[in-house]
Protein backbone atom coordinates (compact mmCIF):
# COMPACT_ATOMS: atom_id res chain seq x y z
CA MET A 1 20.29 -23.43 -34.80
CA SER A 2 16.95 -23.62 -33.05
CA MET A 3 14.59 -26.20 -34.52
CA LYS A 4 11.00 -25.04 -34.87
CA ARG A 5 7.69 -26.79 -35.39
CA ARG A 6 4.28 -25.23 -35.48
CA ALA A 7 1.02 -25.89 -33.70
CA ASP A 8 -2.17 -24.39 -35.07
CA ALA A 9 -3.65 -21.53 -33.10
CA THR A 10 -7.31 -20.83 -32.56
CA PRO A 11 -9.33 -19.20 -35.36
CA HIS A 12 -9.17 -15.40 -35.47
CA ALA A 13 -6.10 -15.52 -33.24
CA ALA A 14 -4.59 -12.49 -35.02
CA SER A 15 -7.17 -9.99 -33.90
CA LEU A 16 -7.53 -11.63 -30.48
CA ILE A 17 -3.84 -11.61 -29.57
CA GLU A 18 -3.25 -8.07 -30.83
CA GLY A 19 -6.28 -7.02 -28.79
CA MET A 20 -4.74 -8.58 -25.70
CA ARG A 21 -2.02 -5.95 -25.75
CA ASP A 22 -4.46 -3.28 -24.60
CA PHE A 23 -6.28 -4.84 -21.66
CA GLY A 24 -4.81 -2.19 -19.37
CA TYR A 25 -2.04 -4.15 -17.67
CA THR A 26 0.90 -2.46 -16.00
CA LEU A 27 4.18 -4.33 -15.47
CA GLU A 28 3.24 -5.20 -11.88
CA THR A 29 -0.25 -6.47 -12.70
CA ALA A 30 1.14 -8.44 -15.64
CA MET A 31 3.79 -10.10 -13.49
CA ALA A 32 1.23 -10.86 -10.78
CA ASP A 33 -0.99 -12.55 -13.36
CA ILE A 34 1.86 -14.83 -14.42
CA ILE A 35 2.64 -15.66 -10.79
CA ASP A 36 -1.04 -16.57 -10.34
CA ASN A 37 -0.41 -19.43 -12.75
CA SER A 38 2.62 -20.48 -10.69
CA VAL A 39 0.54 -20.55 -7.50
CA THR A 40 -2.13 -22.59 -9.27
CA ALA A 41 0.63 -25.00 -10.36
CA ASN A 42 1.59 -25.50 -6.68
CA ALA A 43 4.92 -23.68 -6.98
CA SER A 44 6.79 -23.07 -3.75
CA THR A 45 9.38 -20.73 -5.29
CA VAL A 46 8.99 -18.11 -8.01
CA GLU A 47 11.94 -16.07 -9.19
CA VAL A 48 11.92 -13.06 -11.47
CA LEU A 49 15.12 -12.71 -13.48
CA ALA A 50 15.72 -9.61 -15.58
CA GLU A 51 18.46 -8.66 -18.01
CA THR A 52 17.98 -4.95 -18.61
CA SER A 53 21.35 -3.67 -19.83
CA SER A 54 21.83 -5.74 -22.98
CA ASP A 55 20.77 -4.71 -26.48
CA GLU A 56 17.95 -7.24 -26.22
CA PRO A 57 16.61 -6.97 -22.65
CA TRP A 58 14.36 -9.70 -21.28
CA ILE A 59 12.38 -10.68 -18.19
CA ALA A 60 11.83 -14.27 -17.08
CA ILE A 61 9.45 -15.59 -14.41
CA ILE A 62 10.55 -19.03 -13.22
CA ASP A 63 8.63 -21.39 -10.96
CA ASP A 64 9.06 -24.89 -9.56
CA GLY A 65 5.42 -25.90 -10.05
CA ILE A 66 4.08 -29.09 -11.59
CA GLY A 67 5.09 -28.11 -15.13
CA MET A 68 3.41 -29.07 -18.41
CA HIS A 69 3.77 -31.68 -21.12
CA GLU A 70 3.88 -30.45 -24.71
CA VAL A 71 0.16 -31.00 -25.29
CA GLU A 72 -0.67 -29.06 -22.13
CA LEU A 73 1.75 -26.31 -23.13
CA ILE A 74 0.18 -25.90 -26.56
CA GLU A 75 -3.25 -25.69 -24.97
CA ALA A 76 -2.00 -23.11 -22.47
CA MET A 77 -0.64 -20.99 -25.32
CA ARG A 78 -4.02 -20.86 -27.05
CA PRO A 79 -5.95 -17.64 -26.36
CA GLY A 80 -9.04 -18.17 -24.23
CA SER A 81 -8.11 -21.73 -23.40
CA ARG A 82 -10.68 -22.20 -20.62
CA ASN A 83 -14.29 -21.43 -19.79
CA PRO A 84 -14.54 -18.82 -16.99
CA LEU A 85 -17.70 -20.57 -15.74
CA GLU A 86 -16.11 -23.97 -15.22
CA GLU A 87 -15.63 -25.24 -11.68
CA ARG A 88 -12.11 -24.87 -10.31
CA GLU A 89 -10.11 -25.94 -7.29
CA ASP A 90 -9.95 -23.55 -4.34
CA HIS A 91 -6.31 -22.58 -4.96
CA ASP A 92 -6.89 -21.88 -8.68
CA LEU A 93 -6.24 -18.18 -9.32
CA GLY A 94 -7.05 -18.25 -13.04
CA ARG A 95 -10.37 -17.60 -14.69
CA PHE A 96 -10.45 -16.89 -18.43
CA GLY A 97 -7.41 -18.79 -19.70
CA LEU A 98 -6.15 -15.44 -21.00
CA GLY A 99 -3.75 -14.39 -18.25
CA LEU A 100 -0.57 -15.93 -19.65
CA LYS A 101 -1.08 -14.39 -23.08
CA SER A 102 -2.77 -11.10 -22.24
CA ALA A 103 -0.37 -10.26 -19.42
CA SER A 104 2.69 -11.19 -21.48
CA PHE A 105 1.74 -9.39 -24.68
CA SER A 106 0.88 -6.27 -22.72
CA GLN A 107 4.64 -6.00 -22.05
CA CYS A 108 6.39 -7.75 -24.94
CA ARG A 109 6.08 -8.90 -28.56
CA GLN A 110 7.81 -12.24 -28.07
CA LEU A 111 6.60 -14.77 -25.52
CA THR A 112 8.39 -18.06 -24.89
CA VAL A 113 7.22 -20.64 -22.37
CA ILE A 114 9.52 -23.49 -21.36
CA SER A 115 8.17 -26.24 -19.12
CA ARG A 116 9.43 -29.51 -17.71
CA LYS A 117 7.26 -32.31 -16.35
CA ALA A 118 8.17 -35.91 -15.57
CA GLY A 119 11.62 -35.35 -17.08
CA LEU A 120 10.26 -34.11 -20.46
CA THR A 121 10.98 -30.54 -21.55
CA SER A 122 8.76 -28.57 -23.93
CA ALA A 123 9.01 -25.03 -25.24
CA ALA A 124 6.78 -22.82 -27.38
CA THR A 125 6.98 -19.26 -28.70
CA TRP A 126 4.58 -16.62 -29.89
CA ASP A 127 6.41 -13.90 -31.86
CA LEU A 128 4.12 -11.13 -33.06
CA ASP A 129 6.72 -9.84 -35.55
CA THR A 130 7.08 -13.29 -37.13
CA VAL A 131 3.33 -13.59 -37.35
CA ALA A 132 3.12 -10.20 -39.07
CA GLU A 133 5.78 -11.21 -41.61
CA THR A 134 4.41 -14.67 -42.43
CA ASN A 135 0.71 -14.02 -41.81
CA VAL A 136 0.65 -17.49 -40.25
CA TRP A 137 -0.93 -17.69 -36.81
CA ALA A 138 0.65 -20.71 -35.23
CA VAL A 139 2.66 -21.37 -32.09
CA GLU A 140 6.30 -22.20 -32.79
CA LEU A 141 7.57 -25.23 -30.85
CA GLU A 142 11.22 -25.04 -29.84
CA ASP A 143 13.45 -28.15 -29.89
CA ASP A 144 16.77 -26.40 -29.20
CA LEU A 145 16.90 -24.25 -26.06
CA SER A 146 20.58 -23.32 -26.22
CA SER A 147 19.96 -19.81 -27.56
CA ILE A 148 16.99 -19.00 -25.35
CA PRO A 149 17.82 -16.72 -22.39
CA ALA A 150 17.23 -18.08 -18.88
CA ALA A 151 16.56 -21.60 -20.18
CA GLU A 152 19.41 -22.94 -18.01
CA HIS A 153 17.43 -21.89 -14.91
CA LEU A 154 14.59 -24.31 -15.60
CA PRO A 155 14.06 -26.47 -12.47
CA GLU A 156 13.72 -30.25 -12.55
CA THR A 157 9.99 -29.63 -12.60
CA GLY A 158 8.56 -26.23 -13.39
CA THR A 159 8.00 -23.49 -15.94
CA ILE A 160 9.73 -20.41 -17.34
CA VAL A 161 7.72 -17.55 -18.86
CA LEU A 162 10.15 -15.45 -20.91
CA TRP A 163 9.39 -11.98 -22.25
CA ARG A 164 11.52 -10.60 -25.06
CA LYS A 165 11.13 -7.60 -27.36
CA LEU A 166 9.98 -5.45 -24.44
CA ASP A 167 8.58 -2.69 -26.63
CA ARG A 168 6.09 -1.42 -24.06
CA LEU A 169 8.77 -1.04 -21.38
CA SER A 170 11.38 0.63 -23.58
CA THR A 171 9.16 3.07 -25.48
CA GLY A 172 11.15 6.20 -26.32
CA TYR A 173 14.52 4.67 -25.45
CA ARG A 174 14.90 1.89 -28.00
CA HIS A 175 18.20 3.30 -29.26
CA ASP A 176 19.60 4.40 -25.89
CA ALA A 177 20.56 1.30 -23.90
CA THR A 178 21.40 3.23 -20.71
CA LYS A 179 18.11 5.10 -20.50
CA ARG A 180 16.18 2.03 -21.58
CA ALA A 181 17.75 -0.01 -18.78
CA ALA A 182 16.97 2.74 -16.26
CA GLU A 183 13.35 2.83 -17.38
CA ILE A 184 12.92 -0.94 -17.11
CA ASN A 185 14.66 -1.06 -13.72
CA LYS A 186 12.37 1.71 -12.45
CA ALA A 187 9.33 -0.30 -13.55
CA LEU A 188 10.72 -3.42 -11.88
CA SER A 189 11.24 -1.51 -8.64
CA GLY A 190 7.60 -0.47 -8.64
CA ALA A 191 6.51 -4.01 -9.49
CA GLU A 192 8.51 -5.38 -6.54
CA ARG A 193 6.36 -3.59 -3.97
CA HIS A 194 3.17 -4.68 -5.74
CA LEU A 195 4.20 -8.34 -5.64
CA ARG A 196 5.19 -8.15 -1.97
CA LEU A 197 1.74 -6.78 -1.21
CA CYS A 198 -0.29 -8.84 -3.68
CA PHE A 199 1.00 -12.23 -2.46
CA HIS A 200 1.83 -11.33 1.14
CA ARG A 201 -0.53 -13.93 2.61
CA TYR A 202 1.23 -16.68 0.65
CA MET A 203 4.63 -15.39 1.78
CA GLU A 204 3.95 -14.92 5.50
CA GLY A 205 4.77 -17.24 8.39
CA ASN A 206 7.70 -19.46 9.34
CA ARG A 207 6.72 -21.97 6.65
CA PRO A 208 5.38 -19.83 3.80
CA LYS A 209 3.60 -21.42 0.86
CA LEU A 210 5.49 -19.18 -1.54
CA ARG A 211 8.99 -17.69 -1.81
CA LEU A 212 9.39 -14.76 -4.19
CA LEU A 213 12.81 -13.73 -5.48
CA LEU A 214 13.98 -10.90 -7.72
CA ASN A 215 17.36 -11.49 -9.38
CA GLY A 216 18.37 -13.80 -6.54
CA ARG A 217 17.13 -11.55 -3.72
CA LYS A 218 14.35 -12.91 -1.52
CA LEU A 219 11.40 -10.52 -1.16
CA SER A 220 9.66 -10.01 2.17
CA PRO A 221 5.88 -9.66 2.40
CA ILE A 222 4.12 -6.37 3.15
CA ASP A 223 1.17 -6.86 5.48
CA PRO A 224 -1.17 -3.87 4.90
CA PHE A 225 -2.83 -4.50 8.27
CA ALA A 226 0.36 -4.17 10.35
CA GLN A 227 -0.51 -7.22 12.42
CA ASP A 228 3.03 -7.33 13.78
CA GLN A 229 2.45 -3.98 15.52
CA LYS A 230 1.19 -4.35 19.10
CA ALA A 231 -0.94 -1.19 18.88
CA THR A 232 -2.91 -2.37 15.83
CA GLN A 233 -6.59 -2.80 16.71
CA VAL A 234 -8.00 -6.04 15.28
CA ASP A 235 -11.71 -6.87 15.18
CA PRO A 236 -13.11 -10.42 15.05
CA VAL A 237 -13.77 -12.06 11.67
CA GLU A 238 -17.33 -11.61 10.42
CA VAL A 239 -18.86 -14.24 8.13
CA LEU A 240 -21.50 -13.60 5.47
CA PRO A 241 -22.82 -16.88 3.94
CA LEU A 242 -24.14 -16.46 0.39
CA THR A 243 -25.45 -18.79 -2.30
CA LYS A 244 -22.14 -19.11 -4.18
CA GLY A 245 -19.79 -19.03 -1.22
CA THR A 246 -18.88 -17.26 1.98
CA VAL A 247 -17.55 -13.71 2.28
CA GLU A 248 -15.38 -13.03 5.32
CA THR A 249 -14.51 -9.57 6.58
CA GLN A 250 -12.13 -8.37 9.27
CA CYS A 251 -11.50 -4.79 10.34
CA PHE A 252 -8.16 -3.29 11.35
CA THR A 253 -7.22 0.10 12.73
CA LEU A 254 -3.54 0.91 12.31
CA PRO A 255 -1.58 2.49 15.16
CA HIS A 256 -1.05 6.23 15.32
CA HIS A 257 2.11 7.06 13.39
CA LYS A 258 3.90 8.07 16.61
CA MET A 259 3.54 4.50 17.87
CA MET A 260 5.45 3.01 14.92
CA SER A 261 8.93 3.39 13.52
CA ARG A 262 9.18 5.78 10.59
CA SER A 263 10.41 3.02 8.27
CA ALA A 264 7.48 0.74 9.16
CA TRP A 265 5.00 3.60 8.72
CA ASP A 266 6.41 4.59 5.34
CA GLU A 267 6.44 1.01 4.06
CA LEU A 268 2.79 0.57 5.01
CA GLY A 269 1.76 3.75 3.23
CA GLY A 270 3.90 3.16 0.17
CA PRO A 271 4.53 5.83 -2.45
CA GLU A 272 0.90 7.04 -2.36
CA GLY A 273 0.78 7.50 1.41
CA HIS A 274 -1.77 6.39 3.98
CA LEU A 275 -4.48 8.73 2.79
CA ARG A 276 -4.73 6.79 -0.48
CA THR A 277 -4.27 3.32 0.98
CA GLN A 278 -7.12 3.27 3.49
CA GLY A 279 -10.28 1.27 2.82
CA PHE A 280 -11.07 -2.20 1.55
CA TYR A 281 -8.46 -4.83 0.73
CA ILE A 282 -10.26 -7.45 -1.30
CA TYR A 283 -8.70 -10.91 -1.64
CA ARG A 284 -9.69 -13.68 -3.99
CA GLU A 285 -8.36 -16.96 -2.58
CA LYS A 286 -5.91 -14.92 -0.44
CA ARG A 287 -4.58 -13.14 -3.53
CA LEU A 288 -5.01 -9.34 -3.30
CA ILE A 289 -7.33 -7.90 -5.96
CA ILE A 290 -8.03 -4.38 -4.70
CA ALA A 291 -5.71 -2.51 -2.32
CA GLY A 292 -7.16 0.50 -0.56
CA SER A 293 -10.50 1.87 -1.75
CA TRP A 294 -13.85 2.50 -0.08
CA LEU A 295 -15.56 1.55 -3.38
CA GLY A 296 -17.97 4.45 -3.14
CA LEU A 297 -19.09 3.71 0.45
CA ALA A 298 -17.04 6.47 2.09
CA ARG A 299 -14.58 9.27 1.35
CA GLN A 300 -10.87 9.00 1.92
CA THR A 301 -10.14 11.47 4.72
CA GLU A 302 -7.22 12.26 6.97
CA LEU A 303 -9.10 11.15 10.09
CA THR A 304 -10.01 7.74 8.62
CA LYS A 305 -6.69 6.88 7.01
CA LEU A 306 -5.93 4.29 9.70
CA SER A 307 -8.97 2.20 8.70
CA ARG A 308 -8.52 -0.95 6.63
CA VAL A 309 -10.92 -3.82 5.99
CA ARG A 310 -9.88 -7.24 4.74
CA VAL A 311 -12.51 -8.88 2.55
CA ASP A 312 -12.05 -12.53 1.49
CA ILE A 313 -14.06 -13.96 -1.39
CA PRO A 314 -13.85 -17.42 -3.04
CA ASN A 315 -13.23 -17.91 -6.77
CA THR A 316 -16.80 -19.23 -7.08
CA MET A 317 -18.03 -15.64 -6.80
CA ASP A 318 -16.01 -14.15 -9.68
CA ALA A 319 -19.07 -13.39 -11.79
CA ASP A 320 -20.97 -11.83 -8.88
CA TRP A 321 -18.00 -9.58 -8.08
CA LYS A 322 -17.30 -8.89 -11.78
CA ILE A 323 -13.61 -9.79 -11.49
CA ASP A 324 -11.88 -8.56 -14.67
CA VAL A 325 -9.25 -10.32 -16.76
CA ARG A 326 -6.38 -8.52 -15.01
CA LYS A 327 -7.77 -9.48 -11.59
CA ALA A 328 -7.22 -5.85 -10.63
CA ASN A 329 -10.81 -4.65 -10.38
CA ALA A 330 -14.04 -5.80 -8.78
CA GLN A 331 -17.56 -4.61 -7.95
CA MET A 332 -19.41 -5.54 -4.78
CA PRO A 333 -22.74 -7.39 -5.04
CA PRO A 334 -25.61 -5.38 -3.43
CA VAL A 335 -26.00 -7.76 -0.47
CA VAL A 336 -22.31 -7.43 0.37
CA ARG A 337 -22.38 -3.66 -0.11
CA ASP A 338 -25.14 -3.32 2.49
CA ARG A 339 -23.17 -5.33 5.03
CA LEU A 340 -19.92 -3.47 4.38
CA ARG A 341 -21.60 -0.08 4.66
CA ARG A 342 -22.44 -0.82 8.29
CA ILE A 343 -18.90 -2.05 8.92
CA VAL A 344 -17.44 1.14 7.45
CA GLU A 345 -19.54 3.36 9.70
CA ARG A 346 -18.37 1.50 12.79
CA LEU A 347 -14.72 1.27 11.76
CA GLN A 348 -14.35 4.91 10.83
CA GLY A 349 -15.40 5.87 14.33
CA THR A 350 -12.50 3.81 15.71
CA SER A 351 -10.00 5.45 13.35
CA LYS A 352 -11.23 8.94 14.19
CA ARG A 353 -10.92 8.27 17.91
CA THR A 354 -7.35 7.05 17.43
CA TYR A 355 -6.37 10.23 15.62
CA LYS A 356 -8.38 12.63 17.77
CA ARG A 357 -7.15 11.29 21.09
CA ARG A 358 -4.23 13.72 21.20
CA GLY A 359 -6.19 16.55 19.64
CA GLN A 360 -8.94 16.46 22.27
CA LYS A 361 -6.48 17.63 24.90
CA LEU A 362 -5.98 20.75 22.83
CA VAL A 363 -9.56 21.88 23.36
CA ASP A 364 -9.83 20.94 27.04
CA ASP A 365 -9.78 24.21 28.97
CA LYS A 366 -8.66 22.41 32.11
CA LYS A 367 -5.42 21.48 30.35
CA LEU A 368 -4.46 25.13 29.76
CA PRO A 369 -3.85 24.95 25.98
CA PHE A 370 -1.70 27.58 24.28
CA TRP A 371 -4.34 27.76 21.54
CA SER A 372 -8.10 28.10 21.99
CA ARG A 373 -10.40 26.22 19.63
CA ILE A 374 -13.59 28.20 19.02
CA GLN A 375 -16.66 27.13 17.05
CA GLN A 376 -18.42 30.16 15.60
CA ASP A 377 -21.05 30.39 12.85
CA GLY A 378 -20.27 26.90 11.61
CA ARG A 379 -16.55 27.62 11.48
CA ILE A 380 -13.65 26.49 13.65
CA ILE A 381 -11.27 29.24 14.70
CA TYR A 382 -7.91 28.89 16.47
CA ARG A 383 -6.65 31.78 18.59
CA PRO A 384 -3.75 32.16 21.02
CA ASN A 385 -5.07 31.54 24.53
CA ILE A 386 -4.38 34.87 26.24
CA ASP A 387 -5.51 33.38 29.56
CA HIS A 388 -2.67 30.86 29.60
CA PRO A 389 -0.53 31.62 32.68
CA SER A 390 2.63 31.95 30.60
CA ILE A 391 0.98 34.58 28.42
CA SER A 392 -1.09 36.43 31.02
CA GLY A 393 1.80 36.40 33.49
CA PHE A 394 4.15 37.93 30.95
CA GLU A 395 1.55 40.55 30.04
CA ASP A 396 1.15 41.52 33.69
CA SER A 397 4.91 41.99 33.99
CA LEU A 398 4.91 44.56 31.14
CA PRO A 399 4.52 48.28 31.72
CA GLU A 400 0.93 49.38 31.12
CA GLU A 401 1.83 51.25 27.91
CA PHE A 402 3.15 48.04 26.28
CA ARG A 403 0.27 45.71 27.08
CA ASN A 404 -2.05 46.74 24.23
CA GLY A 405 0.79 46.30 21.76
CA PHE A 406 1.48 42.83 23.17
CA ARG A 407 -2.16 41.81 22.72
CA THR A 408 -2.14 43.18 19.17
CA CYS A 409 0.90 41.03 18.35
CA LEU A 410 -0.92 37.95 19.65
CA LYS A 411 -3.95 38.74 17.49
CA LEU A 412 -1.70 39.13 14.43
CA ILE A 413 -0.12 35.74 15.13
CA GLY A 414 -3.55 34.12 15.47
CA SER A 415 -5.01 35.70 12.34
CA GLY A 416 -1.81 34.99 10.41
CA LEU A 417 -2.00 31.20 10.70
CA PRO A 418 -1.27 29.83 7.17
CA MET A 419 -4.46 27.74 7.05
CA GLU A 420 -4.29 26.89 3.32
CA SER A 421 -0.71 25.65 3.63
CA LEU A 422 -1.50 23.70 6.79
CA HIS A 423 -4.53 22.13 5.13
CA ALA A 424 -2.52 21.08 2.08
CA ASP A 425 0.31 19.70 4.21
CA MET A 426 -2.07 17.75 6.46
CA LEU A 427 -3.80 16.19 3.47
CA GLY A 428 -0.45 15.28 1.99
CA GLY A 429 0.64 13.53 5.20
CA ALA A 430 -0.20 14.67 8.72
CA GLU A 431 2.67 12.61 10.11
CA ASP A 432 5.14 14.89 8.32
CA VAL A 433 3.84 18.11 9.94
CA TYR A 434 5.60 19.15 13.15
CA ALA A 435 5.55 22.13 15.48
CA ASP A 436 8.78 24.05 15.82
CA GLU A 437 10.86 22.46 18.57
CA SER A 438 12.21 24.68 21.36
CA ASP A 439 14.83 23.90 23.97
CA PHE A 440 13.73 24.33 27.57
CA ALA A 441 16.19 27.17 28.25
CA SER A 442 14.35 29.42 25.78
CA LEU A 443 11.04 28.65 27.51
CA ALA A 444 12.15 28.67 31.14
CA GLU A 445 11.29 32.31 31.95
CA GLY A 446 7.70 32.00 30.73
CA VAL A 447 7.30 28.59 32.34
CA GLU A 448 8.54 29.92 35.67
CA THR A 449 5.96 32.70 35.56
CA ALA A 450 3.19 30.20 34.81
CA ILE A 451 4.31 27.87 37.60
CA ARG A 452 4.32 30.68 40.18
CA LEU A 453 0.83 31.80 39.13
CA LEU A 454 -0.56 28.25 39.30
CA HIS A 455 1.22 27.55 42.58
CA GLY A 456 -0.45 30.63 44.00
CA THR A 457 -3.88 29.10 43.29
CA GLY A 458 -3.06 26.14 45.51
CA MET A 459 -2.23 23.63 42.77
CA THR A 460 0.14 20.79 43.64
CA VAL A 461 3.32 20.19 41.70
CA SER A 462 1.76 17.14 40.02
CA ASP A 463 -1.30 19.16 38.92
CA ILE A 464 0.89 21.99 37.62
CA VAL A 465 3.02 19.56 35.57
CA ALA A 466 -0.05 17.72 34.25
CA ASN A 467 -1.66 20.96 33.09
CA LEU A 468 1.36 22.67 31.59
CA CYS A 469 2.73 19.53 29.91
CA SER A 470 -0.51 18.33 28.34
CA ASN A 471 0.45 20.05 25.07
CA GLU A 472 3.51 20.96 23.11
CA PRO A 473 5.95 22.59 23.46
CA LEU A 474 6.15 21.57 27.14
CA ARG A 475 5.05 17.94 26.66
CA SER A 476 8.61 17.13 25.57
CA HIS A 477 10.08 18.85 28.68
CA LYS A 478 7.99 17.28 31.45
CA ASP A 479 10.99 16.39 33.64
CA SER A 480 12.40 19.92 33.40
CA VAL A 481 9.02 21.48 34.24
CA ARG A 482 8.66 19.18 37.27
CA LYS A 483 12.15 20.04 38.52
CA LEU A 484 11.46 23.77 38.16
CA ALA A 485 8.09 23.47 39.92
CA GLU A 486 9.66 21.54 42.81
CA ASP A 487 12.43 24.14 43.15
CA ILE A 488 9.87 26.94 43.23
CA GLU A 489 7.77 25.10 45.83
CA ASP A 490 10.83 24.42 47.98
CA GLY A 491 11.92 28.03 47.73
CA GLU A 492 8.53 29.42 48.74
CA SER A 493 8.23 27.01 51.64
CA GLN A 494 11.47 28.16 53.21
């Protein structure tokens, strides 16, 4: 039977700890807050173990950091155990001394911490149900670890944070083990991506400072700036010295989606997509605080969704940036806001050029587009280009009585463009919108007509191919167009 002793808690602990349950944590932000403590404790490996299918599911976060003696453990279990204004080491990711408790109780009603340092093992438990029954607010010290889940995974030096009574994760499914397990596993899956992103700078490189594992599986980092992609545009680091530290910024423009593999593109965008993940990525001591937001300095648009700005701040500027307890929100000081506003204006121009590069060919009359882009009364109108050789040549081949009907059909096609659907689809993800693909055989007759007309104007084969294949659907059939143009030229020269 587990032996228990008690250590007095801080005054008014009842109201404080219950209040900690509603700080606004999600599972991923709660887990990240616990891992912050592991990083501060110089851990090189952190593993998340989860038992979700049993009647009493639990989650354990295990690190190989410096560990704690019993006195240190008791102090760590006290709510508000440190002054947020005190000076800290550069690698310290904590601030209020609330993270361990507030993050844990946001997900569970029973928190156990087991730690080993210099060969001595200590364990302590907060159980909110026991506190409610006894009305005694004191930390229970554990002397027998045999019945505590995951205790056997404690490293020679390190700490285990164990969450039991996962009431917040199993709400609605407390009496259905299968659905409860599915709900917890779904939450863990979402948390996995967050951790890969949040700590990616600790996990990167051949000799990473941190290894993250989930149930024995090593997690790989997600670099939101796609620095492993050759087409990523990287600006130099800009330094802004301030009274309480230095703010560093670096701008990145991601490659066009056609220059990346689909899997790499999707992983970068995540479940919300690239439209929602553009903007500032703010790091506090290389730990991600905010992922993808312009913080009121710009709008999230389709043309700027390739723009991302890395902002590094030291922990000495927490108060100036108004870092909250969850380390999931921040506000820019005015002097930084002014600097970043200028950076945003410059960066968005780069992103727009990257996305418009292909689109500009569409409005270049010299490239013979199939669609004409017309600006009229402040509006942009797209119409079939009736002067395109493929269209005008076909019209000329029709009997006179059919030509007006042909032009009417073209007008109906132009006016029938589903603009609202296209707009919604482009906002949802432009990379998922494609023109209908056609095989060359179905296009050959019209292409042949266009080639003969252009050849008659004195154009060379190379010029004909460049003009006809500047846009879809012929861009994908450049070799076939060239072969047909060469055959026509050879035939007319004989």
